[in-house]
Amino acid sequence: MGKDKQKKKQRKIKKLVEEDENNIIDDGNHLVQSVEKLQELQEELEKINEEKSVELLKVEQKYNRIRKPVYERRTNIIRDIPAFWSTAFLKHSILGGLVSTEEDHKIFKFLSSITVEQSEDVKSGYTIIFDVEPNVYFENRKLWKTYTFLEENGHTKITISSIQWVDDKGVDDDSFFRWFNEVNEHDEIGEAIKDLWCDPLSCFHHEENEEGGDDVAVKDSKDEVVEDTEDQEQDI
């Protein structure tokens, strides 16, 4: 009896072990199948995102062509506004603080225009161009910096115009114009100039609006003084 009971117990244990092994195998197969389905869905999502990127690029290319003649008309109007670009640049929240030396301020008086030219396909890069009037600092009439996005390695190639300084004037370490000699793939200054290019008028008006507000405040305070004086005279 004791031996039969022991054999029965062993058979029961063996059965439980086999059931556990089968469950583990089933769970493993289910896990593999679930991961494979997720991978298929992820590939489908990536394909959709790629299609979206292609369509968005087409839209950006279309509107880049539409904006171009508007920018040209804007440039023609700006020519009639003295010191427009230098004023807008110096009032920009980021760029203005970069023009800190006395020499830089003198040079910026000769800035006639700023242009940002996108590549035809938009995705390849852009060029920033400073047009300058004849001056005693450098011989260039254009200063430019081009950013070319390289698809093969994801890097950015930067080419720059060499500033031809008159009489080797050069610039000191704090000068903004050192930027034209810097090669930095993550160029915050370039991005800020693109921001300025999109809406220079808001920067051009920025301090004028604030000063206008101050003028109103001063006027109101003067009116209050006059009213107080009149009240005092009436009391007398």
C-alpha atoms as a PDB file:
ATOM      1  CA  MET A   1       0.000   0.000   0.000  1.00  0.00           C
ATOM      2  CA  GLY A   2       2.783   2.379   0.891  1.00  0.00           C
ATOM      3  CA  LYS A   3       4.522   1.796  -2.436  1.00  0.00           C
ATOM      4  CA  ASP A   4       1.305   2.347  -4.441  1.00  0.00           C
ATOM      5  CA  LYS A   5       0.651   5.563  -2.600  1.00  0.00           C
ATOM      6  CA  GLN A   6       4.161   6.774  -3.313  1.00  0.00           C
ATOM      7  CA  LYS A   7       3.895   5.904  -7.030  1.00  0.00           C
ATOM      8  CA  LYS A   8       0.576   7.707  -7.243  1.00  0.00           C
ATOM      9  CA  LYS A   9       2.132  10.783  -5.679  1.00  0.00           C
ATOM     10  CA  GLN A  10       5.058  10.658  -8.119  1.00  0.00           C
ATOM     11  CA  ARG A  11       2.683  10.394 -11.103  1.00  0.00           C
ATOM     12  CA  LYS A  12       0.768  13.413  -9.817  1.00  0.00           C
ATOM     13  CA  ILE A  13       3.957  15.452  -9.445  1.00  0.00           C
ATOM     14  CA  LYS A  14       5.099  14.429 -12.940  1.00  0.00           C
ATOM     15  CA  LYS A  15       1.762  15.494 -14.394  1.00  0.00           C
ATOM     16  CA  LEU A  16       1.960  18.890 -12.690  1.00  0.00           C
ATOM     17  CA  VAL A  17       5.500  19.404 -14.001  1.00  0.00           C
ATOM     18  CA  GLU A  18       4.432  18.544 -17.557  1.00  0.00           C
ATOM     19  CA  GLU A  19       1.480  20.931 -17.330  1.00  0.00           C
ATOM     20  CA  ASP A  20       3.784  23.739 -16.119  1.00  0.00           C
ATOM     21  CA  GLU A  21       6.207  23.078 -18.980  1.00  0.00           C
ATOM     22  CA  ASN A  22       3.363  23.184 -21.497  1.00  0.00           C
ATOM     23  CA  ASN A  23       2.088  26.430 -20.002  1.00  0.00           C
ATOM     24  CA  ILE A  24       5.570  27.955 -20.218  1.00  0.00           C
ATOM     25  CA  ILE A  25       5.873  26.893 -23.852  1.00  0.00           C
ATOM     26  CA  ASP A  26       2.413  28.276 -24.656  1.00  0.00           C
ATOM     27  CA  ASP A  27       3.175  31.549 -22.866  1.00  0.00           C
ATOM     28  CA  GLY A  28       6.480  31.820 -24.713  1.00  0.00           C
ATOM     29  CA  ASN A  29       4.850  31.254 -28.091  1.00  0.00           C
ATOM     30  CA  HIS A  30       2.140  33.790 -27.274  1.00  0.00           C
ATOM     31  CA  LEU A  31       4.758  36.361 -26.257  1.00  0.00           C
ATOM     32  CA  VAL A  32       6.715  35.871 -29.487  1.00  0.00           C
ATOM     33  CA  GLN A  33       3.560  36.231 -31.570  1.00  0.00           C
ATOM     34  CA  SER A  34       2.556  39.411 -29.714  1.00  0.00           C
ATOM     35  CA  VAL A  35       5.986  40.978 -30.234  1.00  0.00           C
ATOM     36  CA  GLU A  36       5.902  40.079 -33.935  1.00  0.00           C
ATOM     37  CA  LYS A  37       2.478  41.733 -34.308  1.00  0.00           C
ATOM     38  CA  LEU A  38       3.739  44.846 -32.518  1.00  0.00           C
ATOM     39  CA  GLN A  39       6.735  44.966 -34.851  1.00  0.00           C
ATOM     40  CA  GLU A  40       4.438  44.787 -37.871  1.00  0.00           C
ATOM     41  CA  LEU A  41       2.335  47.655 -36.514  1.00  0.00           C
ATOM     42  CA  GLN A  42       5.452  49.713 -35.775  1.00  0.00           C
ATOM     43  CA  GLU A  43       6.675  49.236 -39.347  1.00  0.00           C
ATOM     44  CA  GLU A  44       3.255  50.317 -40.599  1.00  0.00           C
ATOM     45  CA  LEU A  45       3.405  53.464 -38.441  1.00  0.00           C
ATOM     46  CA  GLU A  46       6.906  54.282 -39.681  1.00  0.00           C
ATOM     47  CA  LYS A  47       5.716  53.952 -43.263  1.00  0.00           C
ATOM     48  CA  ILE A  48       2.837  56.349 -42.533  1.00  0.00           C
ATOM     49  CA  ASN A  49       5.246  58.832 -40.916  1.00  0.00           C
ATOM     50  CA  GLU A  50       7.539  58.664 -43.943  1.00  0.00           C
ATOM     51  CA  GLU A  51       4.596  59.361 -46.249  1.00  0.00           C
ATOM     52  CA  LYS A  52       3.583  62.275 -44.013  1.00  0.00           C
ATOM     53  CA  SER A  53       7.106  63.730 -44.164  1.00  0.00           C
ATOM     54  CA  VAL A  54       7.092  63.538 -47.957  1.00  0.00           C
ATOM     55  CA  GLU A  55       3.712  65.280 -48.171  1.00  0.00           C
ATOM     56  CA  LEU A  56       4.695  67.970 -45.642  1.00  0.00           C
ATOM     57  CA  LEU A  57       7.868  68.658 -47.618  1.00  0.00           C
ATOM     58  CA  LYS A  58       5.808  69.095 -50.791  1.00  0.00           C
ATOM     59  CA  VAL A  59       3.563  71.580 -48.978  1.00  0.00           C
ATOM     60  CA  GLU A  60       6.559  73.519 -47.624  1.00  0.00           C
ATOM     61  CA  GLN A  61       8.154  73.602 -51.087  1.00  0.00           C
ATOM     62  CA  LYS A  62       4.904  74.889 -52.576  1.00  0.00           C
ATOM     63  CA  TYR A  63       4.516  77.698 -50.058  1.00  0.00           C
ATOM     64  CA  ASN A  64       8.194  78.539 -50.218  1.00  0.00           C
ATOM     65  CA  ARG A  65       7.640  79.352 -53.905  1.00  0.00           C
ATOM     66  CA  ILE A  66       4.512  81.353 -53.049  1.00  0.00           C
ATOM     67  CA  ARG A  67       6.321  83.378 -50.352  1.00  0.00           C
ATOM     68  CA  LYS A  68       9.276  84.272 -52.570  1.00  0.00           C
ATOM     69  CA  PRO A  69       7.660  87.100 -54.616  1.00  0.00           C
ATOM     70  CA  VAL A  70       6.096  88.483 -51.420  1.00  0.00           C
ATOM     71  CA  TYR A  71       9.537  88.642 -49.801  1.00  0.00           C
ATOM     72  CA  GLU A  72      10.818  90.447 -52.902  1.00  0.00           C
ATOM     73  CA  ARG A  73       8.056  93.064 -52.657  1.00  0.00           C
ATOM     74  CA  ARG A  74       8.817  93.444 -48.955  1.00  0.00           C
ATOM     75  CA  THR A  75      12.494  94.036 -49.758  1.00  0.00           C
ATOM     76  CA  ASN A  76      11.592  96.806 -52.208  1.00  0.00           C
ATOM     77  CA  ILE A  77       9.507  98.590 -49.577  1.00  0.00           C
ATOM     78  CA  ILE A  78      12.146  98.199 -46.865  1.00  0.00           C
ATOM     79  CA  ARG A  79      14.676  99.996 -49.084  1.00  0.00           C
ATOM     80  CA  ASP A  80      12.695 103.195 -48.486  1.00  0.00           C
ATOM     81  CA  ILE A  81      12.971 102.884 -44.681  1.00  0.00           C
ATOM     82  CA  PRO A  82      16.319 104.158 -43.342  1.00  0.00           C
ATOM     83  CA  ALA A  83      18.248 101.740 -41.099  1.00  0.00           C
ATOM     84  CA  PHE A  84      15.360  99.263 -41.100  1.00  0.00           C
ATOM     85  CA  TRP A  85      17.385  96.051 -40.832  1.00  0.00           C
ATOM     86  CA  SER A  86      19.970  97.355 -38.395  1.00  0.00           C
ATOM     87  CA  THR A  87      17.182  98.685 -36.165  1.00  0.00           C
ATOM     88  CA  ALA A  88      15.211  95.424 -36.308  1.00  0.00           C
ATOM     89  CA  PHE A  89      18.367  93.389 -35.661  1.00  0.00           C
ATOM     90  CA  LEU A  90      19.387  95.442 -32.628  1.00  0.00           C
ATOM     91  CA  LYS A  91      15.868  95.215 -31.171  1.00  0.00           C
ATOM     92  CA  HIS A  92      15.617  91.431 -31.582  1.00  0.00           C
ATOM     93  CA  SER A  93      15.432  89.720 -28.181  1.00  0.00           C
ATOM     94  CA  ILE A  94      18.426  87.447 -28.903  1.00  0.00           C
ATOM     95  CA  LEU A  95      20.421  89.148 -31.652  1.00  0.00           C
ATOM     96  CA  GLY A  96      20.442  92.621 -30.131  1.00  0.00           C
ATOM     97  CA  GLY A  97      22.512  91.475 -27.174  1.00  0.00           C
ATOM     98  CA  LEU A  98      25.188  90.063 -29.491  1.00  0.00           C
ATOM     99  CA  VAL A  99      26.068  93.498 -30.871  1.00  0.00           C
ATOM    100  CA  SER A 100      27.903  94.823 -27.851  1.00  0.00           C
ATOM    101  CA  THR A 101      31.018  96.646 -29.053  1.00  0.00           C
ATOM    102  CA  GLU A 102      31.221 100.234 -30.232  1.00  0.00           C
ATOM    103  CA  GLU A 103      32.815  99.135 -33.514  1.00  0.00           C
ATOM    104  CA  ASP A 104      29.977  96.679 -34.189  1.00  0.00           C
ATOM    105  CA  HIS A 105      27.394  99.425 -33.768  1.00  0.00           C
ATOM    106  CA  LYS A 106      29.315 101.582 -36.238  1.00  0.00           C
ATOM    107  CA  ILE A 107      29.506  98.724 -38.758  1.00  0.00           C
ATOM    108  CA  PHE A 108      25.792  97.940 -38.433  1.00  0.00           C
ATOM    109  CA  LYS A 109      24.988 101.446 -39.656  1.00  0.00           C
ATOM    110  CA  PHE A 110      26.158 100.226 -43.091  1.00  0.00           C
ATOM    111  CA  LEU A 111      23.847  97.175 -43.102  1.00  0.00           C
ATOM    112  CA  SER A 112      21.413  97.641 -45.998  1.00  0.00           C
ATOM    113  CA  SER A 113      19.567  94.303 -45.970  1.00  0.00           C
ATOM    114  CA  ILE A 114      19.360  90.788 -44.559  1.00  0.00           C
ATOM    115  CA  THR A 115      18.157  87.861 -46.658  1.00  0.00           C
ATOM    116  CA  VAL A 116      17.532  84.197 -45.886  1.00  0.00           C
ATOM    117  CA  GLU A 117      17.471  82.062 -49.034  1.00  0.00           C
ATOM    118  CA  GLN A 118      16.045  78.565 -48.699  1.00  0.00           C
ATOM    119  CA  SER A 119      17.306  75.849 -51.026  1.00  0.00           C
ATOM    120  CA  GLU A 120      14.914  75.004 -53.854  1.00  0.00           C
ATOM    121  CA  ASP A 121      13.931  71.704 -52.246  1.00  0.00           C
ATOM    122  CA  VAL A 122      13.854  73.331 -48.756  1.00  0.00           C
ATOM    123  CA  LYS A 123      15.360  70.255 -47.083  1.00  0.00           C
ATOM    124  CA  SER A 124      18.912  70.809 -48.381  1.00  0.00           C
ATOM    125  CA  GLY A 125      19.634  73.938 -46.334  1.00  0.00           C
ATOM    126  CA  TYR A 126      19.664  77.724 -46.484  1.00  0.00           C
ATOM    127  CA  THR A 127      21.915  80.773 -46.850  1.00  0.00           C
ATOM    128  CA  ILE A 128      22.011  83.927 -44.706  1.00  0.00           C
ATOM    129  CA  ILE A 129      23.147  87.045 -46.574  1.00  0.00           C
ATOM    130  CA  PHE A 130      24.078  90.471 -45.183  1.00  0.00           C
ATOM    131  CA  ASP A 131      24.213  93.229 -47.814  1.00  0.00           C
ATOM    132  CA  VAL A 132      26.358  96.163 -46.723  1.00  0.00           C
ATOM    133  CA  GLU A 133      27.001  99.610 -48.114  1.00  0.00           C
ATOM    134  CA  PRO A 134      30.547 100.805 -48.888  1.00  0.00           C
ATOM    135  CA  ASN A 135      32.356 101.407 -45.616  1.00  0.00           C
ATOM    136  CA  VAL A 136      35.788 101.870 -44.070  1.00  0.00           C
ATOM    137  CA  TYR A 137      35.781  98.497 -42.299  1.00  0.00           C
ATOM    138  CA  PHE A 138      35.732  95.799 -44.979  1.00  0.00           C
ATOM    139  CA  GLU A 139      35.678  95.552 -48.752  1.00  0.00           C
ATOM    140  CA  ASN A 140      32.865  92.983 -49.006  1.00  0.00           C
ATOM    141  CA  ARG A 141      29.471  94.126 -50.209  1.00  0.00           C
ATOM    142  CA  LYS A 142      27.970  90.812 -49.159  1.00  0.00           C
ATOM    143  CA  LEU A 143      28.633  88.622 -46.141  1.00  0.00           C
ATOM    144  CA  TRP A 144      27.078  85.177 -46.318  1.00  0.00           C
ATOM    145  CA  LYS A 145      26.899  81.887 -44.488  1.00  0.00           C
ATOM    146  CA  THR A 146      25.470  78.704 -46.040  1.00  0.00           C
ATOM    147  CA  TYR A 147      24.139  75.669 -44.171  1.00  0.00           C
ATOM    148  CA  THR A 148      23.936  72.456 -46.212  1.00  0.00           C
ATOM    149  CA  PHE A 149      22.178  69.483 -44.613  1.00  0.00           C
ATOM    150  CA  LEU A 150      23.905  66.218 -45.550  1.00  0.00           C
ATOM    151  CA  GLU A 151      21.503  63.283 -45.801  1.00  0.00           C
ATOM    152  CA  GLU A 152      24.223  60.632 -45.872  1.00  0.00           C
ATOM    153  CA  ASN A 153      25.467  61.299 -42.335  1.00  0.00           C
ATOM    154  CA  GLY A 154      22.956  63.733 -40.822  1.00  0.00           C
ATOM    155  CA  HIS A 155      25.577  66.457 -40.351  1.00  0.00           C
ATOM    156  CA  THR A 156      25.516  70.065 -41.526  1.00  0.00           C
ATOM    157  CA  LYS A 157      28.168  71.483 -43.841  1.00  0.00           C
ATOM    158  CA  ILE A 158      28.818  75.193 -43.284  1.00  0.00           C
ATOM    159  CA  THR A 159      30.525  77.465 -45.808  1.00  0.00           C
ATOM    160  CA  ILE A 160      31.240  81.127 -45.115  1.00  0.00           C
ATOM    161  CA  SER A 161      32.383  84.260 -46.884  1.00  0.00           C
ATOM    162  CA  SER A 162      35.762  85.520 -45.810  1.00  0.00           C
ATOM    163  CA  ILE A 163      35.595  89.089 -44.510  1.00  0.00           C
ATOM    164  CA  GLN A 164      38.140  91.257 -46.321  1.00  0.00           C
ATOM    165  CA  TRP A 165      39.028  93.777 -43.653  1.00  0.00           C
ATOM    166  CA  VAL A 166      40.444  97.143 -44.683  1.00  0.00           C
ATOM    167  CA  ASP A 167      43.974  97.727 -43.360  1.00  0.00           C
ATOM    168  CA  ASP A 168      43.728  94.496 -41.345  1.00  0.00           C
ATOM    169  CA  LYS A 169      41.223  96.077 -38.972  1.00  0.00           C
ATOM    170  CA  GLY A 170      39.723  92.751 -37.927  1.00  0.00           C
ATOM    171  CA  VAL A 171      37.462  92.319 -34.915  1.00  0.00           C
ATOM    172  CA  ASP A 172      37.952  91.698 -31.231  1.00  0.00           C
ATOM    173  CA  ASP A 173      36.760  88.623 -29.347  1.00  0.00           C
ATOM    174  CA  ASP A 174      33.418  90.201 -28.398  1.00  0.00           C
ATOM    175  CA  SER A 175      32.458  91.250 -31.920  1.00  0.00           C
ATOM    176  CA  PHE A 176      29.332  89.824 -33.522  1.00  0.00           C
ATOM    177  CA  PHE A 177      31.181  89.496 -36.822  1.00  0.00           C
ATOM    178  CA  ARG A 178      33.253  86.628 -35.436  1.00  0.00           C
ATOM    179  CA  TRP A 179      30.110  84.591 -36.120  1.00  0.00           C
ATOM    180  CA  PHE A 180      30.954  84.667 -39.832  1.00  0.00           C
ATOM    181  CA  ASN A 181      34.124  82.722 -39.028  1.00  0.00           C
ATOM    182  CA  GLU A 182      32.488  80.156 -36.744  1.00  0.00           C
ATOM    183  CA  VAL A 183      31.480  76.691 -37.942  1.00  0.00           C
ATOM    184  CA  ASN A 184      28.871  75.324 -35.561  1.00  0.00           C
ATOM    185  CA  GLU A 185      26.284  72.749 -36.648  1.00  0.00           C
ATOM    186  CA  HIS A 186      23.934  73.755 -33.831  1.00  0.00           C
ATOM    187  CA  ASP A 187      23.898  77.460 -34.627  1.00  0.00           C
ATOM    188  CA  GLU A 188      21.410  79.336 -32.450  1.00  0.00           C
ATOM    189  CA  ILE A 189      22.407  82.652 -34.022  1.00  0.00           C
ATOM    190  CA  GLY A 190      21.537  81.378 -37.489  1.00  0.00           C
ATOM    191  CA  GLU A 191      18.143  80.210 -36.215  1.00  0.00           C
ATOM    192  CA  ALA A 192      17.561  83.601 -34.574  1.00  0.00           C
ATOM    193  CA  ILE A 193      18.342  85.385 -37.853  1.00  0.00           C
ATOM    194  CA  LYS A 194      15.834  83.125 -39.629  1.00  0.00           C
ATOM    195  CA  ASP A 195      13.301  84.141 -36.980  1.00  0.00           C
ATOM    196  CA  LEU A 196      14.072  87.818 -37.615  1.00  0.00           C
ATOM    197  CA  TRP A 197      13.759  87.309 -41.376  1.00  0.00           C
ATOM    198  CA  CYS A 198      10.236  85.903 -41.029  1.00  0.00           C
ATOM    199  CA  ASP A 199       8.884  88.954 -39.207  1.00  0.00           C
ATOM    200  CA  PRO A 200      11.339  91.878 -38.962  1.00  0.00           C
ATOM    201  CA  LEU A 201       8.552  94.439 -38.614  1.00  0.00           C
ATOM    202  CA  SER A 202       7.602  93.260 -35.109  1.00  0.00           C
ATOM    203  CA  CYS A 203      11.210  93.799 -33.992  1.00  0.00           C
ATOM    204  CA  PHE A 204      11.445  97.152 -35.769  1.00  0.00           C
ATOM    205  CA  HIS A 205       8.337  98.369 -33.901  1.00  0.00           C
ATOM    206  CA  HIS A 206       9.134  96.668 -30.602  1.00  0.00           C
ATOM    207  CA  GLU A 207      10.652  99.493 -28.555  1.00  0.00           C
ATOM    208  CA  GLU A 208       8.607 102.141 -30.328  1.00  0.00           C
ATOM    209  CA  ASN A 209       5.439 100.529 -28.996  1.00  0.00           C
ATOM    210  CA  GLU A 210       6.931 100.363 -25.525  1.00  0.00           C
ATOM    211  CA  GLU A 211       8.023 103.996 -25.743  1.00  0.00           C
ATOM    212  CA  GLY A 212       4.573 104.888 -26.983  1.00  0.00           C
ATOM    213  CA  GLY A 213       3.156 103.240 -23.896  1.00  0.00           C
ATOM    214  CA  ASP A 214       5.550 105.229 -21.738  1.00  0.00           C
ATOM    215  CA  ASP A 215       4.511 108.435 -23.504  1.00  0.00           C
ATOM    216  CA  VAL A 216       0.884 107.691 -22.736  1.00  0.00           C
ATOM    217  CA  ALA A 217       1.754 107.031 -19.111  1.00  0.00           C
ATOM    218  CA  VAL A 218       3.683 110.300 -18.887  1.00  0.00           C
ATOM    219  CA  LYS A 219       0.798 112.166 -20.494  1.00  0.00           C
ATOM    220  CA  ASP A 220      -1.681 110.610 -18.069  1.00  0.00           C
ATOM    221  CA  SER A 221       0.500 111.556 -15.110  1.00  0.00           C
ATOM    222  CA  LYS A 222       0.716 115.151 -16.384  1.00  0.00           C
ATOM    223  CA  ASP A 223      -3.067 115.259 -16.759  1.00  0.00           C
ATOM    224  CA  GLU A 224      -3.409 114.036 -13.191  1.00  0.00           C
ATOM    225  CA  VAL A 225      -1.096 116.816 -11.982  1.00  0.00           C
ATOM    226  CA  VAL A 226      -3.144 119.412 -13.861  1.00  0.00           C
ATOM    227  CA  GLU A 227      -6.383 118.029 -12.425  1.00  0.00           C
ATOM    228  CA  ASP A 228      -4.942 118.032  -8.904  1.00  0.00           C
ATOM    229  CA  THR A 229      -3.816 121.642  -9.350  1.00  0.00           C
ATOM    230  CA  GLU A 230      -7.256 122.687 -10.574  1.00  0.00           C
ATOM    231  CA  ASP A 231      -8.889 120.944  -7.614  1.00  0.00           C
ATOM    232  CA  GLN A 232      -6.569 122.734  -5.218  1.00  0.00           C
ATOM    233  CA  GLU A 233      -7.369 126.096  -6.831  1.00  0.00           C
ATOM    234  CA  GLN A 234     -11.080 125.406  -6.500  1.00  0.00           C
ATOM    235  CA  ASP A 235     -10.638 124.530  -2.819  1.00  0.00           C
ATOM    236  CA  ILE A 236      -8.840 127.831  -2.254  1.00  0.00           C
END
